[in-house]
């Protein structure tokens, strides 16, 4: 089994290979610019188009892409081992359960209050 602390090539001044596995600042700035661009696109779409039938799913899709970029690059899921990725996926699973339970309560609330 591989040593989990060794990610890349090691040198005497970097014994665990941390610098070799670090993302370049240019890549992180490009991802950050992409996230800001998506946020501005989200704001611009909401101002230009206004509330329509498909606006909420479109804005949620843009927000999901932004959250995915943040998790993949800034939370280092790209470099994570299988346990880290499994933890991230299980958190999404439990978040989905919470949303389903919340929406079930919200969608049936009028049945209880109305009677």
PDB file of N, CA and C in Angstrom:
ATOM      1  N   UNK A   1       0.845  -1.169   0.000  1.00  0.00           N
ATOM      2  CA  UNK A   1       0.000   0.000   0.000  1.00  0.00           C
ATOM      3  C   UNK A   1       0.892   1.234   0.000  1.00  0.00           C
ATOM      4  N   UNK A   2       0.495   2.245  -0.762  1.00  0.00           N
ATOM      5  CA  UNK A   2       1.305   3.450  -0.888  1.00  0.00           C
ATOM      6  C   UNK A   2       1.202   4.304   0.373  1.00  0.00           C
ATOM      7  N   UNK A   3       2.228   5.069   0.600  1.00  0.00           N
ATOM      8  CA  UNK A   3       2.255   5.970   1.736  1.00  0.00           C
ATOM      9  C   UNK A   3       1.307   7.134   1.447  1.00  0.00           C
ATOM     10  N   UNK A   4       0.267   7.381   2.271  1.00  0.00           N
ATOM     11  CA  UNK A   4      -0.699   8.424   1.967  1.00  0.00           C
ATOM     12  C   UNK A   4      -0.139   9.832   2.095  1.00  0.00           C
ATOM     13  N   UNK A   5       0.992  10.012   2.771  1.00  0.00           N
ATOM     14  CA  UNK A   5       1.542  11.346   2.917  1.00  0.00           C
ATOM     15  C   UNK A   5       2.414  11.739   1.744  1.00  0.00           C
ATOM     16  N   UNK A   6       2.792  10.813   0.904  1.00  0.00           N
ATOM     17  CA  UNK A   6       3.652  11.125  -0.233  1.00  0.00           C
ATOM     18  C   UNK A   6       2.787  11.278  -1.479  1.00  0.00           C
ATOM     19  N   UNK A   7       2.764  12.494  -2.037  1.00  0.00           N
ATOM     20  CA  UNK A   7       1.935  12.772  -3.196  1.00  0.00           C
ATOM     21  C   UNK A   7       2.752  12.876  -4.469  1.00  0.00           C
ATOM     22  N   UNK A   8       3.907  13.407  -4.397  1.00  0.00           N
ATOM     23  CA  UNK A   8       4.706  13.619  -5.588  1.00  0.00           C
ATOM     24  C   UNK A   8       6.155  13.299  -5.311  1.00  0.00           C
ATOM     25  N   UNK A   9       7.025  13.878  -6.103  1.00  0.00           N
ATOM     26  CA  UNK A   9       8.446  13.642  -5.888  1.00  0.00           C
ATOM     27  C   UNK A   9       8.899  14.375  -4.634  1.00  0.00           C
ATOM     28  N   UNK A  10       9.818  13.758  -3.911  1.00  0.00           N
ATOM     29  CA  UNK A  10      10.294  14.356  -2.669  1.00  0.00           C
ATOM     30  C   UNK A  10      11.718  14.839  -2.851  1.00  0.00           C
ATOM     31  N   UNK A  11      12.018  15.921  -2.179  1.00  0.00           N
ATOM     32  CA  UNK A  11      13.367  16.468  -2.148  1.00  0.00           C
ATOM     33  C   UNK A  11      13.744  16.684  -0.691  1.00  0.00           C
ATOM     34  N   UNK A  12      14.968  17.132  -0.477  1.00  0.00           N
ATOM     35  CA  UNK A  12      15.406  17.327   0.905  1.00  0.00           C
ATOM     36  C   UNK A  12      14.680  18.481   1.580  1.00  0.00           C
ATOM     37  N   UNK A  13      14.313  19.524   0.820  1.00  0.00           N
ATOM     38  CA  UNK A  13      13.598  20.641   1.432  1.00  0.00           C
ATOM     39  C   UNK A  13      12.079  20.429   1.423  1.00  0.00           C
ATOM     40  N   UNK A  14      11.593  19.378   0.762  1.00  0.00           N
ATOM     41  CA  UNK A  14      10.168  19.048   0.704  1.00  0.00           C
ATOM     42  C   UNK A  14      10.007  17.539   0.874  1.00  0.00           C
ATOM     43  N   UNK A  15      10.197  17.019   2.106  1.00  0.00           N
ATOM     44  CA  UNK A  15      10.249  15.565   2.286  1.00  0.00           C
ATOM     45  C   UNK A  15       8.938  14.842   2.016  1.00  0.00           C
ATOM     46  N   UNK A  16       7.813  15.508   2.086  1.00  0.00           N
ATOM     47  CA  UNK A  16       6.530  14.839   1.886  1.00  0.00           C
ATOM     48  C   UNK A  16       5.935  15.106   0.503  1.00  0.00           C
ATOM     49  N   UNK A  17       6.625  15.864  -0.338  1.00  0.00           N
ATOM     50  CA  UNK A  17       6.138  16.122  -1.684  1.00  0.00           C
ATOM     51  C   UNK A  17       4.957  17.059  -1.744  1.00  0.00           C
ATOM     52  N   UNK A  18       4.826  17.937  -0.764  1.00  0.00           N
ATOM     53  CA  UNK A  18       3.681  18.841  -0.717  1.00  0.00           C
ATOM     54  C   UNK A  18       3.764  19.876  -1.832  1.00  0.00           C
ATOM     55  N   UNK A  19       4.932  20.433  -2.071  1.00  0.00           N
ATOM     56  CA  UNK A  19       5.066  21.443  -3.120  1.00  0.00           C
ATOM     57  C   UNK A  19       4.851  20.852  -4.508  1.00  0.00           C
ATOM     58  N   UNK A  20       5.215  19.599  -4.694  1.00  0.00           N
ATOM     59  CA  UNK A  20       5.054  18.980  -6.002  1.00  0.00           C
ATOM     60  C   UNK A  20       3.587  18.750  -6.338  1.00  0.00           C
ATOM     61  N   UNK A  21       2.740  18.547  -5.335  1.00  0.00           N
ATOM     62  CA  UNK A  21       1.332  18.287  -5.597  1.00  0.00           C
ATOM     63  C   UNK A  21       0.465  19.532  -5.483  1.00  0.00           C
ATOM     64  N   UNK A  22       1.047  20.667  -5.143  1.00  0.00           N
ATOM     65  CA  UNK A  22       0.276  21.897  -4.991  1.00  0.00           C
ATOM     66  C   UNK A  22      -0.139  22.427  -6.357  1.00  0.00           C
ATOM     67  N   UNK A  23      -1.304  23.025  -6.398  1.00  0.00           N
ATOM     68  CA  UNK A  23      -1.785  23.614  -7.637  1.00  0.00           C
ATOM     69  C   UNK A  23      -1.018  24.891  -7.933  1.00  0.00           C
ATOM     70  N   UNK A  24      -0.879  25.192  -9.195  1.00  0.00           N
ATOM     71  CA  UNK A  24      -0.177  26.414  -9.574  1.00  0.00           C
ATOM     72  C   UNK A  24      -1.080  27.616  -9.302  1.00  0.00           C
ATOM     73  N   UNK A  25      -0.494  28.743  -8.957  1.00  0.00           N
ATOM     74  CA  UNK A  25      -1.307  29.936  -8.705  1.00  0.00           C
ATOM     75  C   UNK A  25      -2.103  30.371  -9.940  1.00  0.00           C
ATOM     76  N   UNK A  26      -1.541  30.164 -11.123  1.00  0.00           N
ATOM     77  CA  UNK A  26      -2.266  30.534 -12.333  1.00  0.00           C
ATOM     78  C   UNK A  26      -3.544  29.731 -12.509  1.00  0.00           C
ATOM     79  N   UNK A  27      -3.479  28.433 -12.213  1.00  0.00           N
ATOM     80  CA  UNK A  27      -4.662  27.589 -12.309  1.00  0.00           C
ATOM     81  C   UNK A  27      -5.715  28.014 -11.298  1.00  0.00           C
ATOM     82  N   UNK A  28      -5.294  28.287 -10.077  1.00  0.00           N
ATOM     83  CA  UNK A  28      -6.246  28.700  -9.047  1.00  0.00           C
ATOM     84  C   UNK A  28      -6.866  30.053  -9.376  1.00  0.00           C
ATOM     85  N   UNK A  29      -6.091  30.965  -9.941  1.00  0.00           N
ATOM     86  CA  UNK A  29      -6.656  32.254 -10.349  1.00  0.00           C
ATOM     87  C   UNK A  29      -7.641  32.082 -11.497  1.00  0.00           C
ATOM     88  N   UNK A  30      -7.354  31.178 -12.422  1.00  0.00           N
ATOM     89  CA  UNK A  30      -8.275  30.924 -13.528  1.00  0.00           C
ATOM     90  C   UNK A  30      -9.584  30.326 -13.024  1.00  0.00           C
ATOM     91  N   UNK A  31      -9.499  29.411 -12.077  1.00  0.00           N
ATOM     92  CA  UNK A  31     -10.716  28.817 -11.501  1.00  0.00           C
ATOM     93  C   UNK A  31     -11.495  29.873 -10.738  1.00  0.00           C
ATOM     94  N   UNK A  32     -10.800  30.714  -9.983  1.00  0.00           N
ATOM     95  CA  UNK A  32     -11.455  31.789  -9.249  1.00  0.00           C
ATOM     96  C   UNK A  32     -12.143  32.754 -10.215  1.00  0.00           C
ATOM     97  N   UNK A  33     -11.470  33.092 -11.321  1.00  0.00           N
ATOM     98  CA  UNK A  33     -12.073  33.981 -12.315  1.00  0.00           C
ATOM     99  C   UNK A  33     -13.303  33.332 -12.948  1.00  0.00           C
ATOM    100  N   UNK A  34     -13.252  32.031 -13.154  1.00  0.00           N
ATOM    101  CA  UNK A  34     -14.398  31.310 -13.700  1.00  0.00           C
ATOM    102  C   UNK A  34     -15.580  31.340 -12.720  1.00  0.00           C
ATOM    103  N   UNK A  35     -15.300  31.182 -11.451  1.00  0.00           N
ATOM    104  CA  UNK A  35     -16.361  31.224 -10.447  1.00  0.00           C
ATOM    105  C   UNK A  35     -16.978  32.613 -10.381  1.00  0.00           C
ATOM    106  N   UNK A  36     -16.146  33.645 -10.406  1.00  0.00           N
ATOM    107  CA  UNK A  36     -16.657  35.015 -10.397  1.00  0.00           C
ATOM    108  C   UNK A  36     -17.447  35.289 -11.674  1.00  0.00           C
ATOM    109  N   UNK A  37     -16.949  34.801 -12.815  1.00  0.00           N
ATOM    110  CA  UNK A  37     -17.669  34.980 -14.078  1.00  0.00           C
ATOM    111  C   UNK A  37     -19.036  34.308 -14.064  1.00  0.00           C
ATOM    112  N   UNK A  38     -19.103  33.115 -13.489  1.00  0.00           N
ATOM    113  CA  UNK A  38     -20.394  32.442 -13.383  1.00  0.00           C
ATOM    114  C   UNK A  38     -21.345  33.194 -12.448  1.00  0.00           C
ATOM    115  N   UNK A  39     -20.813  33.770 -11.387  1.00  0.00           N
ATOM    116  CA  UNK A  39     -21.652  34.557 -10.480  1.00  0.00           C
ATOM    117  C   UNK A  39     -22.186  35.799 -11.191  1.00  0.00           C
ATOM    118  N   UNK A  40     -21.322  36.466 -11.961  1.00  0.00           N
ATOM    119  CA  UNK A  40     -21.772  37.642 -12.710  1.00  0.00           C
ATOM    120  C   UNK A  40     -22.777  37.252 -13.794  1.00  0.00           C
ATOM    121  N   UNK A  41     -22.560  36.099 -14.429  1.00  0.00           N
ATOM    122  CA  UNK A  41     -23.523  35.622 -15.417  1.00  0.00           C
ATOM    123  C   UNK A  41     -24.868  35.324 -14.767  1.00  0.00           C
ATOM    124  N   UNK A  42     -24.834  34.767 -13.590  1.00  0.00           N
ATOM    125  CA  UNK A  42     -26.056  34.473 -12.854  1.00  0.00           C
ATOM    126  C   UNK A  42     -26.820  35.754 -12.526  1.00  0.00           C
ATOM    127  N   UNK A  43     -26.097  36.755 -12.081  1.00  0.00           N
ATOM    128  CA  UNK A  43     -26.718  38.045 -11.766  1.00  0.00           C
ATOM    129  C   UNK A  43     -27.241  38.700 -13.039  1.00  0.00           C
ATOM    130  N   UNK A  44     -26.433  38.676 -14.103  1.00  0.00           N
ATOM    131  CA  UNK A  44     -26.853  39.295 -15.359  1.00  0.00           C
ATOM    132  C   UNK A  44     -28.072  38.625 -15.958  1.00  0.00           C
ATOM    133  N   UNK A  45     -28.129  37.315 -15.908  1.00  0.00           N
ATOM    134  CA  UNK A  45     -29.296  36.606 -16.426  1.00  0.00           C
ATOM    135  C   UNK A  45     -30.546  36.968 -15.633  1.00  0.00           C
ATOM    136  N   UNK A  46     -30.417  37.044 -14.328  1.00  0.00           N
ATOM    137  CA  UNK A  46     -31.588  37.363 -13.509  1.00  0.00           C
ATOM    138  C   UNK A  46     -32.065  38.795 -13.738  1.00  0.00           C
ATOM    139  N   UNK A  47     -31.142  39.705 -14.036  1.00  0.00           N
ATOM    140  CA  UNK A  47     -31.542  41.093 -14.302  1.00  0.00           C
ATOM    141  C   UNK A  47     -32.146  41.229 -15.693  1.00  0.00           C
ATOM    142  N   UNK A  48     -31.518  40.629 -16.691  1.00  0.00           N
ATOM    143  CA  UNK A  48     -31.967  40.777 -18.073  1.00  0.00           C
ATOM    144  C   UNK A  48     -33.254  40.017 -18.367  1.00  0.00           C
ATOM    145  N   UNK A  49     -33.351  38.794 -17.918  1.00  0.00           N
ATOM    146  CA  UNK A  49     -34.495  37.954 -18.278  1.00  0.00           C
ATOM    147  C   UNK A  49     -35.646  38.147 -17.300  1.00  0.00           C
ATOM    148  N   UNK A  50     -35.343  38.259 -16.035  1.00  0.00           N
ATOM    149  CA  UNK A  50     -36.386  38.384 -15.031  1.00  0.00           C
ATOM    150  C   UNK A  50     -36.913  37.025 -14.625  1.00  0.00           C
ATOM    151  N   UNK A  51     -37.930  37.019 -13.776  1.00  0.00           N
ATOM    152  CA  UNK A  51     -38.459  35.733 -13.302  1.00  0.00           C
ATOM    153  C   UNK A  51     -39.258  35.026 -14.405  1.00  0.00           C
ATOM    154  N   UNK A  52     -38.786  33.867 -14.776  1.00  0.00           N
ATOM    155  CA  UNK A  52     -39.501  33.029 -15.736  1.00  0.00           C
ATOM    156  C   UNK A  52     -39.610  31.622 -15.164  1.00  0.00           C
ATOM    157  N   UNK A  53     -40.198  30.747 -15.947  1.00  0.00           N
ATOM    158  CA  UNK A  53     -40.428  29.377 -15.490  1.00  0.00           C
ATOM    159  C   UNK A  53     -39.120  28.617 -15.289  1.00  0.00           C
ATOM    160  N   UNK A  54     -38.132  28.864 -16.133  1.00  0.00           N
ATOM    161  CA  UNK A  54     -36.892  28.094 -16.096  1.00  0.00           C
ATOM    162  C   UNK A  54     -35.733  28.840 -15.431  1.00  0.00           C
ATOM    163  N   UNK A  55     -35.998  29.973 -14.814  1.00  0.00           N
ATOM    164  CA  UNK A  55     -34.920  30.758 -14.229  1.00  0.00           C
ATOM    165  C   UNK A  55     -34.327  30.073 -12.993  1.00  0.00           C
ATOM    166  N   UNK A  56     -35.163  29.540 -12.133  1.00  0.00           N
ATOM    167  CA  UNK A  56     -34.652  28.892 -10.922  1.00  0.00           C
ATOM    168  C   UNK A  56     -33.799  27.666 -11.244  1.00  0.00           C
ATOM    169  N   UNK A  57     -34.244  26.758 -12.117  1.00  0.00           N
ATOM    170  CA  UNK A  57     -33.356  25.629 -12.443  1.00  0.00           C
ATOM    171  C   UNK A  57     -32.048  26.067 -13.100  1.00  0.00           C
ATOM    172  N   UNK A  58     -32.086  27.102 -13.930  1.00  0.00           N
ATOM    173  CA  UNK A  58     -30.863  27.598 -14.562  1.00  0.00           C
ATOM    174  C   UNK A  58     -29.904  28.167 -13.524  1.00  0.00           C
ATOM    175  N   UNK A  59     -30.419  28.960 -12.603  1.00  0.00           N
ATOM    176  CA  UNK A  59     -29.567  29.541 -11.578  1.00  0.00           C
ATOM    177  C   UNK A  59     -29.050  28.476 -10.608  1.00  0.00           C
ATOM    178  N   UNK A  60     -29.845  27.469 -10.318  1.00  0.00           N
ATOM    179  CA  UNK A  60     -29.371  26.376  -9.471  1.00  0.00           C
ATOM    180  C   UNK A  60     -28.294  25.560 -10.175  1.00  0.00           C
ATOM    181  N   UNK A  61     -28.416  25.406 -11.494  1.00  0.00           N
ATOM    182  CA  UNK A  61     -27.389  24.681 -12.248  1.00  0.00           C
ATOM    183  C   UNK A  61     -26.083  25.463 -12.242  1.00  0.00           C
ATOM    184  N   UNK A  62     -26.151  26.769 -12.423  1.00  0.00           N
ATOM    185  CA  UNK A  62     -24.943  27.601 -12.377  1.00  0.00           C
ATOM    186  C   UNK A  62     -24.311  27.538 -10.983  1.00  0.00           C
ATOM    187  N   UNK A  63     -25.133  27.600  -9.947  1.00  0.00           N
ATOM    188  CA  UNK A  63     -24.621  27.497  -8.580  1.00  0.00           C
ATOM    189  C   UNK A  63     -24.003  26.141  -8.294  1.00  0.00           C
ATOM    190  N   UNK A  64     -24.568  25.088  -8.875  1.00  0.00           N
ATOM    191  CA  UNK A  64     -23.999  23.749  -8.688  1.00  0.00           C
ATOM    192  C   UNK A  64     -22.639  23.629  -9.361  1.00  0.00           C
ATOM    193  N   UNK A  65     -22.494  24.233 -10.535  1.00  0.00           N
ATOM    194  CA  UNK A  65     -21.188  24.234 -11.209  1.00  0.00           C
ATOM    195  C   UNK A  65     -20.171  24.999 -10.366  1.00  0.00           C
ATOM    196  N   UNK A  66     -20.585  26.125  -9.802  1.00  0.00           N
ATOM    197  CA  UNK A  66     -19.684  26.895  -8.944  1.00  0.00           C
ATOM    198  C   UNK A  66     -19.274  26.079  -7.716  1.00  0.00           C
ATOM    199  N   UNK A  67     -20.222  25.420  -7.083  1.00  0.00           N
ATOM    200  CA  UNK A  67     -19.903  24.617  -5.903  1.00  0.00           C
ATOM    201  C   UNK A  67     -18.997  23.448  -6.274  1.00  0.00           C
ATOM    202  N   UNK A  68     -19.218  22.871  -7.431  1.00  0.00           N
ATOM    203  CA  UNK A  68     -18.360  21.787  -7.885  1.00  0.00           C
ATOM    204  C   UNK A  68     -16.937  22.245  -8.131  1.00  0.00           C
ATOM    205  N   UNK A  69     -16.775  23.420  -8.730  1.00  0.00           N
ATOM    206  CA  UNK A  69     -15.435  23.964  -8.948  1.00  0.00           C
ATOM    207  C   UNK A  69     -14.728  24.243  -7.631  1.00  0.00           C
ATOM    208  N   UNK A  70     -15.460  24.805  -6.679  1.00  0.00           N
ATOM    209  CA  UNK A  70     -14.862  25.088  -5.370  1.00  0.00           C
ATOM    210  C   UNK A  70     -14.430  23.788  -4.690  1.00  0.00           C
ATOM    211  N   UNK A  71     -15.284  22.780  -4.730  1.00  0.00           N
ATOM    212  CA  UNK A  71     -14.942  21.513  -4.082  1.00  0.00           C
ATOM    213  C   UNK A  71     -13.778  20.826  -4.787  1.00  0.00           C
ATOM    214  N   UNK A  72     -13.785  20.837  -6.109  1.00  0.00           N
ATOM    215  CA  UNK A  72     -12.788  20.089  -6.868  1.00  0.00           C
ATOM    216  C   UNK A  72     -11.405  20.716  -6.767  1.00  0.00           C
ATOM    217  N   UNK A  73     -11.340  22.026  -6.841  1.00  0.00           N
ATOM    218  CA  UNK A  73     -10.030  22.685  -6.839  1.00  0.00           C
ATOM    219  C   UNK A  73      -9.617  23.212  -5.461  1.00  0.00           C
ATOM    220  N   UNK A  74     -10.492  23.958  -4.797  1.00  0.00           N
ATOM    221  CA  UNK A  74     -10.088  24.606  -3.562  1.00  0.00           C
ATOM    222  C   UNK A  74     -10.166  23.684  -2.348  1.00  0.00           C
ATOM    223  N   UNK A  75     -11.006  22.658  -2.407  1.00  0.00           N
ATOM    224  CA  UNK A  75     -11.066  21.687  -1.323  1.00  0.00           C
ATOM    225  C   UNK A  75     -10.225  20.452  -1.641  1.00  0.00           C
ATOM    226  N   UNK A  76      -9.519  20.488  -2.756  1.00  0.00           N
ATOM    227  CA  UNK A  76      -8.537  19.474  -3.165  1.00  0.00           C
ATOM    228  C   UNK A  76      -9.141  18.082  -3.323  1.00  0.00           C
ATOM    229  N   UNK A  77     -10.374  18.006  -3.814  1.00  0.00           N
ATOM    230  CA  UNK A  77     -10.941  16.689  -4.094  1.00  0.00           C
ATOM    231  C   UNK A  77     -10.240  16.035  -5.275  1.00  0.00           C
ATOM    232  N   UNK A  78      -9.635  16.840  -6.120  1.00  0.00           N
ATOM    233  CA  UNK A  78      -8.902  16.308  -7.263  1.00  0.00           C
ATOM    234  C   UNK A  78      -7.708  15.484  -6.800  1.00  0.00           C
ATOM    235  N   UNK A  79      -7.094  15.888  -5.706  1.00  0.00           N
ATOM    236  CA  UNK A  79      -5.911  15.205  -5.197  1.00  0.00           C
ATOM    237  C   UNK A  79      -6.229  14.273  -4.030  1.00  0.00           C
ATOM    238  N   UNK A  80      -7.496  14.210  -3.638  1.00  0.00           N
ATOM    239  CA  UNK A  80      -7.873  13.420  -2.478  1.00  0.00           C
ATOM    240  C   UNK A  80      -7.891  11.933  -2.770  1.00  0.00           C
ATOM    241  N   UNK A  81      -7.729  11.169  -1.728  1.00  0.00           N
ATOM    242  CA  UNK A  81      -7.812   9.727  -1.893  1.00  0.00           C
ATOM    243  C   UNK A  81      -9.278   9.294  -1.862  1.00  0.00           C
ATOM    244  N   UNK A  82      -9.531   8.033  -1.891  1.00  0.00           N
ATOM    245  CA  UNK A  82     -10.891   7.526  -2.016  1.00  0.00           C
ATOM    246  C   UNK A  82     -11.753   7.837  -0.792  1.00  0.00           C
ATOM    247  N   UNK A  83     -11.160   7.922   0.364  1.00  0.00           N
ATOM    248  CA  UNK A  83     -11.930   8.218   1.577  1.00  0.00           C
ATOM    249  C   UNK A  83     -12.437   9.659   1.542  1.00  0.00           C
ATOM    250  N   UNK A  84     -11.610  10.575   1.076  1.00  0.00           N
ATOM    251  CA  UNK A  84     -12.019  11.980   0.992  1.00  0.00           C
ATOM    252  C   UNK A  84     -13.155  12.137  -0.019  1.00  0.00           C
ATOM    253  N   UNK A  85     -13.040  11.478  -1.156  1.00  0.00           N
ATOM    254  CA  UNK A  85     -14.083  11.559  -2.174  1.00  0.00           C
ATOM    255  C   UNK A  85     -15.364  10.897  -1.672  1.00  0.00           C
ATOM    256  N   UNK A  86     -15.251   9.779  -0.982  1.00  0.00           N
ATOM    257  CA  UNK A  86     -16.421   9.111  -0.421  1.00  0.00           C
ATOM    258  C   UNK A  86     -17.103   9.991   0.619  1.00  0.00           C
ATOM    259  N   UNK A  87     -16.329  10.702   1.415  1.00  0.00           N
ATOM    260  CA  UNK A  87     -16.903  11.612   2.406  1.00  0.00           C
ATOM    261  C   UNK A  87     -17.663  12.744   1.730  1.00  0.00           C
ATOM    262  N   UNK A  88     -17.093  13.301   0.668  1.00  0.00           N
ATOM    263  CA  UNK A  88     -17.775  14.370  -0.056  1.00  0.00           C
ATOM    264  C   UNK A  88     -19.062  13.874  -0.699  1.00  0.00           C
ATOM    265  N   UNK A  89     -19.028  12.697  -1.290  1.00  0.00           N
ATOM    266  CA  UNK A  89     -20.232  12.147  -1.916  1.00  0.00           C
ATOM    267  C   UNK A  89     -21.294  11.786  -0.884  1.00  0.00           C
ATOM    268  N   UNK A  90     -20.872  11.290   0.279  1.00  0.00           N
ATOM    269  CA  UNK A  90     -21.857  10.970   1.314  1.00  0.00           C
ATOM    270  C   UNK A  90     -22.495  12.237   1.875  1.00  0.00           C
ATOM    271  N   UNK A  91     -21.747  13.316   1.936  1.00  0.00           N
ATOM    272  CA  UNK A  91     -22.350  14.577   2.388  1.00  0.00           C
ATOM    273  C   UNK A  91     -23.391  15.065   1.392  1.00  0.00           C
ATOM    274  N   UNK A  92     -23.138  14.886   0.085  1.00  0.00           N
ATOM    275  CA  UNK A  92     -24.145  15.230  -0.914  1.00  0.00           C
ATOM    276  C   UNK A  92     -25.381  14.336  -0.788  1.00  0.00           C
ATOM    277  N   UNK A  93     -25.165  13.067  -0.499  1.00  0.00           N
ATOM    278  CA  UNK A  93     -26.281  12.139  -0.315  1.00  0.00           C
ATOM    279  C   UNK A  93     -27.163  12.574   0.857  1.00  0.00           C
ATOM    280  N   UNK A  94     -26.554  12.890   1.991  1.00  0.00           N
ATOM    281  CA  UNK A  94     -27.335  13.306   3.156  1.00  0.00           C
ATOM    282  C   UNK A  94     -27.993  14.663   2.935  1.00  0.00           C
ATOM    283  N   UNK A  95     -27.330  15.544   2.199  1.00  0.00           N
ATOM    284  CA  UNK A  95     -27.954  16.830   1.865  1.00  0.00           C
ATOM    285  C   UNK A  95     -29.189  16.594   0.999  1.00  0.00           C
ATOM    286  N   UNK A  96     -29.100  15.631   0.077  1.00  0.00           N
ATOM    287  CA  UNK A  96     -30.258  15.293  -0.749  1.00  0.00           C
ATOM    288  C   UNK A  96     -31.411  14.764   0.083  1.00  0.00           C
ATOM    289  N   UNK A  97     -31.095  13.918   1.065  1.00  0.00           N
ATOM    290  CA  UNK A  97     -32.143  13.420   1.958  1.00  0.00           C
ATOM    291  C   UNK A  97     -32.802  14.572   2.704  1.00  0.00           C
ATOM    292  N   UNK A  98     -32.014  15.507   3.199  1.00  0.00           N
ATOM    293  CA  UNK A  98     -32.582  16.652   3.920  1.00  0.00           C
ATOM    294  C   UNK A  98     -33.462  17.504   3.017  1.00  0.00           C
ATOM    295  N   UNK A  99     -33.041  17.715   1.765  1.00  0.00           N
ATOM    296  CA  UNK A  99     -33.857  18.493   0.830  1.00  0.00           C
ATOM    297  C   UNK A  99     -35.162  17.775   0.508  1.00  0.00           C
ATOM    298  N   UNK A 100     -35.122  16.459   0.333  1.00  0.00           N
ATOM    299  CA  UNK A 100     -36.339  15.710   0.044  1.00  0.00           C
ATOM    300  C   UNK A 100     -37.302  15.787   1.225  1.00  0.00           C
ATOM    301  N   UNK A 101     -36.802  15.637   2.432  1.00  0.00           N
ATOM    302  CA  UNK A 101     -37.666  15.739   3.603  1.00  0.00           C
ATOM    303  C   UNK A 101     -38.234  17.149   3.764  1.00  0.00           C
ATOM    304  N   UNK A 102     -37.414  18.158   3.524  1.00  0.00           N
ATOM    305  CA  UNK A 102     -37.895  19.535   3.627  1.00  0.00           C
ATOM    306  C   UNK A 102     -38.964  19.812   2.573  1.00  0.00           C
ATOM    307  N   UNK A 103     -38.717  19.381   1.334  1.00  0.00           N
ATOM    308  CA  UNK A 103     -39.694  19.642   0.278  1.00  0.00           C
ATOM    309  C   UNK A 103     -40.981  18.846   0.512  1.00  0.00           C
ATOM    310  N   UNK A 104     -40.875  17.651   1.076  1.00  0.00           N
ATOM    311  CA  UNK A 104     -42.078  16.892   1.418  1.00  0.00           C
ATOM    312  C   UNK A 104     -42.925  17.625   2.448  1.00  0.00           C
ATOM    313  N   UNK A 105     -42.268  18.213   3.430  1.00  0.00           N
ATOM    314  CA  UNK A 105     -42.982  18.995   4.437  1.00  0.00           C
ATOM    315  C   UNK A 105     -43.566  20.249   3.827  1.00  0.00           C
ATOM    316  N   UNK A 106     -42.782  20.945   3.018  1.00  0.00           N
ATOM    317  CA  UNK A 106     -43.223  22.218   2.439  1.00  0.00           C
ATOM    318  C   UNK A 106     -44.379  22.014   1.458  1.00  0.00           C
ATOM    319  N   UNK A 107     -44.312  20.957   0.650  1.00  0.00           N
ATOM    320  CA  UNK A 107     -45.342  20.743  -0.364  1.00  0.00           C
ATOM    321  C   UNK A 107     -46.656  20.246   0.239  1.00  0.00           C
ATOM    322  N   UNK A 108     -46.616  19.635   1.416  1.00  0.00           N
ATOM    323  CA  UNK A 108     -47.842  19.145   2.036  1.00  0.00           C
ATOM    324  C   UNK A 108     -48.294  20.020   3.206  1.00  0.00           C
ATOM    325  N   UNK A 109     -47.650  21.134   3.413  1.00  0.00           N
ATOM    326  CA  UNK A 109     -48.012  22.000   4.543  1.00  0.00           C
ATOM    327  C   UNK A 109     -49.431  22.517   4.426  1.00  0.00           C
ATOM    328  N   UNK A 110     -49.881  22.838   3.208  1.00  0.00           N
ATOM    329  CA  UNK A 110     -51.225  23.378   3.020  1.00  0.00           C
ATOM    330  C   UNK A 110     -52.320  22.354   3.362  1.00  0.00           C
ATOM    331  N   UNK A 111     -51.998  21.080   3.303  1.00  0.00           N
ATOM    332  CA  UNK A 111     -52.987  20.064   3.639  1.00  0.00           C
ATOM    333  C   UNK A 111     -53.302  20.055   5.133  1.00  0.00           C
ATOM    334  N   UNK A 112     -52.297  20.365   5.969  1.00  0.00           N
ATOM    335  CA  UNK A 112     -52.485  20.367   7.399  1.00  0.00           C
ATOM    336  C   UNK A 112     -53.083  21.693   7.861  1.00  0.00           C
ATOM    337  N   UNK A 113     -52.609  22.805   7.325  1.00  0.00           N
ATOM    338  CA  UNK A 113     -53.063  24.124   7.754  1.00  0.00           C
ATOM    339  C   UNK A 113     -54.473  24.381   7.251  1.00  0.00           C
ATOM    340  N   UNK A 114     -54.803  23.906   6.057  1.00  0.00           N
ATOM    341  CA  UNK A 114     -56.100  24.179   5.462  1.00  0.00           C
ATOM    342  C   UNK A 114     -57.256  23.452   6.137  1.00  0.00           C
ATOM    343  N   UNK A 115     -56.983  22.393   6.877  1.00  0.00           N
ATOM    344  CA  UNK A 115     -58.091  21.619   7.446  1.00  0.00           C
ATOM    345  C   UNK A 115     -58.508  22.087   8.801  1.00  0.00           C
TER     346      UNK A 115
END
